[in-house]
Amino acid sequence: MSLTNILKPEDIKKAVDTFEAVGSFKHKEFFKICGLSTMPPEKVREVFRILDGDNSGYLEESELKDFLKWFNPEARTLTEEEIRFVLSGDENDDGKIGEDEFLEMVKS
């Protein structure tokens, strides 16, 4: 399944374009712009499973680095500082984002 099967392509483009500048990424704002924050939980979980490229059940640092690329392959990678900001949603401090943590991040 593709992210464009869940989210509107024009919303994805707008979200990725908003955070084109290095150091500008804010995940909560990204989720709002792309429409993910208004999706039902089961759709958010589908997005998580797409982003979890290695099917480990977690978004690890390497997957977070390429977060924007999942939405647009031409997008930039996230900086270490931006990754740390996203990892602030890591409720159990294991250094990765689980599916429930991702849902909480999107919906908060």
Foldseek 3Di string as FASTA:
>chain_A
DAVCVLWPLVLLVVLLVVQQDAPRDDPQVSLVSRVNLVDPLVSLLVVVCLLPVVNPQWCALVSQQCVSCSSPVPGHGHDPVVSVNVCVLVPVPPRIAGSVSSSVSSND
